[in-house]
Amino acid sequence: MLGALYLAGLGVLRRPRSLQLKSVVYNLHQVGWQAIPFMALVTFLIGAIIAQQGIFHFRKFGANSYVVDLVGILVLREIGVLIVASMVAGRSGSAYTAELGSMKMRKEIDALSTMGLDPVEVLILPRVVALVCALPILAFIGSMAALYGGGLVAWLYGGMSPSIFIERLHEAVSVTHFEVGMIKAPFMALVIGIVASSEGLRVKGSTESLGKQTTISVVKSIFLVIVLDGVFAVFFASIGM
């Protein structure tokens, strides 16, 4: 699938008008815009929970201020993009698999091939492009929501004023932490898109097969996203980021 997407991308570069721009925009709306409220709410709660647990334990040592380091670095480097990617895999990845699987069952993909159209270029490439564009934006919004949730809990539960929280955040977090999280996002999106599309094309002619492949798609995507996050963590540690 990665090779097929690469070839389809080369074809689009040679013939830019062949890119299904309407499909890209539609999928970007589905994957990105409609997912913002849900992603922001969940990441807000995750940030609040991390801050509450951090304050609860740091309070024993009189080190409440270090909760800002915990929330800031953990959210921007790891948790923010990882949680968002996992939710996108469950929400959008499963939808991609179900859509492509339904088309496969109704022989629509075979019909496209019969008409001389490349199903990867027409159906899969726009979905993957939309996913690669949407996930970094969602990861950014999710990270900001998580920091806001952490700051709110630090204020209400830990007695740390917002101005002190922000000042401490500036000291504890560098741009590098933010860059690390954002660099991961497009690669995670690519993995989710490839797995979702591959599993959708594996659907046979029954609804049981559709349900099975959709489940496999979500499980595989989340597993590979976690593995990819671990690989990136080792890589960035080795280069000093």
Protein backbone atom coordinates (compact mmCIF):
# COMPACT_ATOMS: atom_id res chain seq x y z
CA MET A 1 0.00 0.00 0.00
CA LEU A 2 2.85 2.38 0.76
CA GLY A 3 4.34 1.69 -2.68
CA ALA A 4 0.96 2.14 -4.35
CA LEU A 5 0.48 5.48 -2.57
CA TYR A 6 3.97 6.55 -3.63
CA LEU A 7 3.22 5.74 -7.28
CA ALA A 8 -0.16 7.49 -7.08
CA GLY A 9 1.56 10.53 -5.57
CA LEU A 10 4.05 10.60 -8.44
CA GLY A 11 1.14 10.44 -10.88
CA VAL A 12 -0.50 13.41 -9.17
CA LEU A 13 2.76 15.38 -9.31
CA ARG A 14 2.93 14.75 -13.06
CA ARG A 15 -0.76 15.57 -13.53
CA PRO A 16 -1.83 17.90 -10.67
CA ARG A 17 -5.38 18.10 -12.01
CA SER A 18 -5.82 14.39 -11.37
CA LEU A 19 -5.82 15.02 -7.59
CA GLN A 20 -9.34 14.62 -6.24
CA LEU A 21 -9.34 17.98 -4.48
CA LYS A 22 -13.04 17.85 -3.57
CA SER A 23 -12.49 14.48 -1.96
CA VAL A 24 -9.47 15.80 -0.01
CA VAL A 25 -11.48 18.76 1.31
CA TYR A 26 -14.47 16.57 2.18
CA ASN A 27 -12.31 14.07 4.07
CA LEU A 28 -10.42 16.89 5.77
CA HIS A 29 -13.77 18.20 7.02
CA GLN A 30 -14.78 14.74 8.22
CA VAL A 31 -11.45 13.79 9.80
CA GLY A 32 -10.37 17.20 11.06
CA TRP A 33 -13.07 19.77 11.60
CA GLN A 34 -15.75 17.44 12.96
CA ALA A 35 -13.28 15.75 15.31
CA ILE A 36 -12.07 18.92 17.03
CA PRO A 37 -14.69 19.09 19.85
CA PHE A 38 -14.23 15.43 20.79
CA MET A 39 -10.41 15.57 20.64
CA ALA A 40 -10.28 18.81 22.65
CA LEU A 41 -12.58 17.43 25.35
CA VAL A 42 -10.69 14.16 25.79
CA THR A 43 -7.23 15.75 25.81
CA PHE A 44 -8.48 18.44 28.20
CA LEU A 45 -9.54 15.70 30.62
CA ILE A 46 -6.24 13.83 30.15
CA GLY A 47 -4.25 16.97 30.97
CA ALA A 48 -6.43 17.61 34.02
CA ILE A 49 -5.96 14.05 35.29
CA ILE A 50 -2.16 14.17 34.84
CA ALA A 51 -2.00 17.48 36.71
CA GLN A 52 -4.23 16.23 39.56
CA GLN A 53 -2.19 13.08 40.04
CA GLY A 54 1.07 15.03 39.80
CA ILE A 55 -0.01 17.57 42.42
CA PHE A 56 -1.32 14.81 44.69
CA HIS A 57 2.06 13.06 44.74
CA PHE A 58 4.41 16.08 44.46
CA ARG A 59 2.61 17.71 47.40
CA LYS A 60 4.16 15.11 49.70
CA PHE A 61 7.61 16.47 48.86
CA GLY A 62 6.65 20.15 48.71
CA ALA A 63 7.36 20.24 44.98
CA ASN A 64 4.01 21.33 43.56
CA SER A 65 5.65 23.52 40.92
CA TYR A 66 7.15 20.50 39.19
CA VAL A 67 3.70 19.46 38.04
CA VAL A 68 4.09 22.09 35.31
CA ASP A 69 7.19 20.30 34.01
CA LEU A 70 5.32 16.99 34.14
CA VAL A 71 2.27 18.22 32.25
CA GLY A 72 4.13 20.40 29.75
CA ILE A 73 6.82 17.94 28.66
CA LEU A 74 4.62 14.84 28.80
CA VAL A 75 1.78 16.43 26.83
CA LEU A 76 3.86 18.15 24.17
CA ARG A 77 6.32 15.31 23.56
CA GLU A 78 4.29 12.14 24.03
CA ILE A 79 0.76 12.03 25.40
CA GLY A 80 -0.84 14.75 23.28
CA VAL A 81 -0.02 13.34 19.85
CA LEU A 82 -0.33 9.72 21.04
CA ILE A 83 -3.84 10.15 22.46
CA VAL A 84 -5.00 12.09 19.41
CA ALA A 85 -3.52 9.53 16.99
CA SER A 86 -5.18 6.67 18.89
CA MET A 87 -8.55 8.42 18.78
CA VAL A 88 -8.15 9.20 15.08
CA ALA A 89 -7.34 5.53 14.46
CA GLY A 90 -10.51 4.50 16.25
CA ARG A 91 -12.70 7.19 14.72
CA SER A 92 -11.41 7.90 11.21
CA GLY A 93 -9.36 4.76 10.54
CA SER A 94 -12.35 2.54 11.21
CA ALA A 95 -14.51 4.77 9.00
CA TYR A 96 -12.00 4.48 6.13
CA THR A 97 -11.94 0.70 6.45
CA ALA A 98 -15.73 0.49 6.55
CA GLU A 99 -16.15 2.80 3.55
CA LEU A 100 -13.61 1.00 1.38
CA GLY A 101 -14.87 -2.38 2.55
CA SER A 102 -18.43 -1.48 1.58
CA MET A 103 -17.21 -0.36 -1.84
CA LYS A 104 -15.31 -3.63 -2.20
CA MET A 105 -18.44 -5.63 -1.31
CA ARG A 106 -20.55 -3.72 -3.85
CA LYS A 107 -17.86 -4.19 -6.56
CA GLU A 108 -17.43 -0.43 -6.91
CA ILE A 109 -13.64 -0.70 -6.72
CA ASP A 110 -13.67 -3.33 -9.49
CA ALA A 111 -15.85 -0.99 -11.53
CA LEU A 112 -13.28 1.81 -11.17
CA SER A 113 -10.53 -0.52 -12.41
CA THR A 114 -12.72 -1.57 -15.34
CA MET A 115 -13.17 2.10 -16.30
CA GLY A 116 -9.37 2.53 -16.34
CA LEU A 117 -9.15 4.51 -13.10
CA ASP A 118 -6.66 3.77 -10.35
CA PRO A 119 -8.59 3.04 -7.12
CA VAL A 120 -5.58 4.09 -5.03
CA GLU A 121 -5.41 7.47 -6.73
CA VAL A 122 -9.18 8.05 -6.68
CA LEU A 123 -10.17 6.61 -3.30
CA ILE A 124 -7.18 6.12 -1.02
CA LEU A 125 -4.76 8.97 -1.79
CA PRO A 126 -7.27 11.77 -0.97
CA ARG A 127 -8.12 10.08 2.33
CA VAL A 128 -4.48 9.67 3.34
CA VAL A 129 -3.60 13.24 2.30
CA ALA A 130 -6.50 14.58 4.38
CA LEU A 131 -5.39 12.47 7.35
CA VAL A 132 -1.76 13.63 7.09
CA CYS A 133 -2.94 17.26 6.99
CA ALA A 134 -5.51 16.91 9.79
CA LEU A 135 -3.58 14.97 12.44
CA PRO A 136 -0.89 17.63 13.15
CA ILE A 137 -3.63 20.24 13.55
CA LEU A 138 -5.62 17.98 15.87
CA ALA A 139 -2.46 17.15 17.83
CA PHE A 140 -1.73 20.87 18.29
CA ILE A 141 -5.28 21.62 19.43
CA GLY A 142 -5.26 18.57 21.69
CA SER A 143 -1.96 19.56 23.29
CA MET A 144 -3.21 23.09 23.96
CA ALA A 145 -6.42 21.70 25.46
CA ALA A 146 -4.42 19.34 27.68
CA LEU A 147 -2.21 22.21 28.89
CA TYR A 148 -5.31 24.27 29.60
CA GLY A 149 -6.81 21.38 31.57
CA GLY A 150 -3.57 20.96 33.52
CA GLY A 151 -3.41 24.69 34.25
CA LEU A 152 -7.02 24.76 35.41
CA VAL A 153 -6.48 21.86 37.83
CA ALA A 154 -3.21 23.40 39.06
CA TRP A 155 -5.15 26.56 39.84
CA LEU A 156 -8.25 25.04 41.44
CA TYR A 157 -6.67 22.00 43.09
CA GLY A 158 -3.05 23.04 43.60
CA GLY A 159 -3.49 26.74 44.34
CA MET A 160 -1.12 27.79 41.55
CA SER A 161 -2.27 30.95 39.79
CA PRO A 162 -2.48 30.93 35.96
CA SER A 163 0.29 33.55 35.68
CA ILE A 164 2.68 31.40 37.73
CA PHE A 165 1.70 28.31 35.73
CA ILE A 166 2.43 30.06 32.42
CA GLU A 167 5.71 31.50 33.71
CA ARG A 168 6.82 28.09 34.95
CA LEU A 169 5.72 26.54 31.65
CA HIS A 170 7.97 28.95 29.75
CA GLU A 171 10.91 27.89 31.90
CA ALA A 172 10.22 24.14 31.78
CA VAL A 173 9.21 23.65 28.15
CA SER A 174 11.28 24.49 25.09
CA VAL A 175 10.30 24.66 21.45
CA THR A 176 12.10 21.34 20.96
CA HIS A 177 9.46 19.49 22.98
CA PHE A 178 6.75 20.95 20.77
CA GLU A 179 8.68 20.11 17.59
CA VAL A 180 9.12 16.49 18.67
CA GLY A 181 5.36 16.03 19.03
CA MET A 182 4.54 17.74 15.76
CA ILE A 183 7.13 15.77 13.78
CA LYS A 184 5.54 12.50 14.88
CA ALA A 185 2.02 13.45 13.81
CA PRO A 186 2.26 13.13 9.97
CA PHE A 187 4.03 9.76 10.23
CA MET A 188 1.38 8.44 12.59
CA ALA A 189 -1.30 9.69 10.21
CA LEU A 190 0.40 7.90 7.31
CA VAL A 191 0.50 4.65 9.28
CA ILE A 192 -3.20 4.94 10.20
CA GLY A 193 -4.17 5.70 6.59
CA ILE A 194 -2.14 2.80 5.16
CA VAL A 195 -3.48 0.26 7.67
CA ALA A 196 -7.09 1.45 7.32
CA SER A 197 -6.95 1.36 3.52
CA SER A 198 -5.21 -2.02 3.37
CA GLU A 199 -7.74 -3.62 5.70
CA GLY A 200 -10.62 -2.08 3.76
CA LEU A 201 -9.39 -3.67 0.54
CA ARG A 202 -9.13 -7.06 2.30
CA VAL A 203 -12.88 -7.19 2.94
CA LYS A 204 -14.61 -10.14 1.31
CA GLY A 205 -18.22 -10.35 0.28
CA SER A 206 -19.87 -10.57 3.71
CA THR A 207 -20.78 -8.18 6.50
CA GLU A 208 -18.94 -10.46 8.92
CA SER A 209 -15.74 -9.84 6.99
CA LEU A 210 -16.41 -6.10 7.05
CA GLY A 211 -16.77 -6.07 10.82
CA LYS A 212 -13.70 -8.26 11.29
CA GLN A 213 -11.45 -6.12 9.10
CA THR A 214 -12.69 -2.91 10.73
CA THR A 215 -11.79 -4.28 14.15
CA ILE A 216 -8.40 -5.47 12.90
CA SER A 217 -7.78 -2.04 11.37
CA VAL A 218 -8.33 -0.21 14.66
CA VAL A 219 -6.22 -2.66 16.68
CA LYS A 220 -3.36 -2.64 14.16
CA SER A 221 -3.38 1.13 13.82
CA ILE A 222 -3.23 1.79 17.57
CA PHE A 223 -0.53 -0.86 18.03
CA LEU A 224 1.63 0.55 15.23
CA VAL A 225 1.12 4.13 16.45
CA ILE A 226 2.45 3.12 19.89
CA VAL A 227 5.38 1.25 18.31
CA LEU A 228 6.16 4.25 16.10
CA ASP A 229 6.04 6.56 19.12
CA GLY A 230 8.57 4.31 20.89
CA VAL A 231 10.85 4.31 17.82
CA PHE A 232 10.71 8.09 17.64
CA ALA A 233 11.40 8.37 21.39
CA VAL A 234 14.60 6.32 20.99
CA PHE A 235 15.58 8.26 17.84
CA PHE A 236 15.09 11.71 19.38
CA ALA A 237 16.94 10.65 22.54
CA SER A 238 19.87 9.47 20.41
CA ILE A 239 20.15 12.83 18.61
CA GLY A 240 19.68 14.83 21.79
CA MET A 241 16.21 16.26 21.16
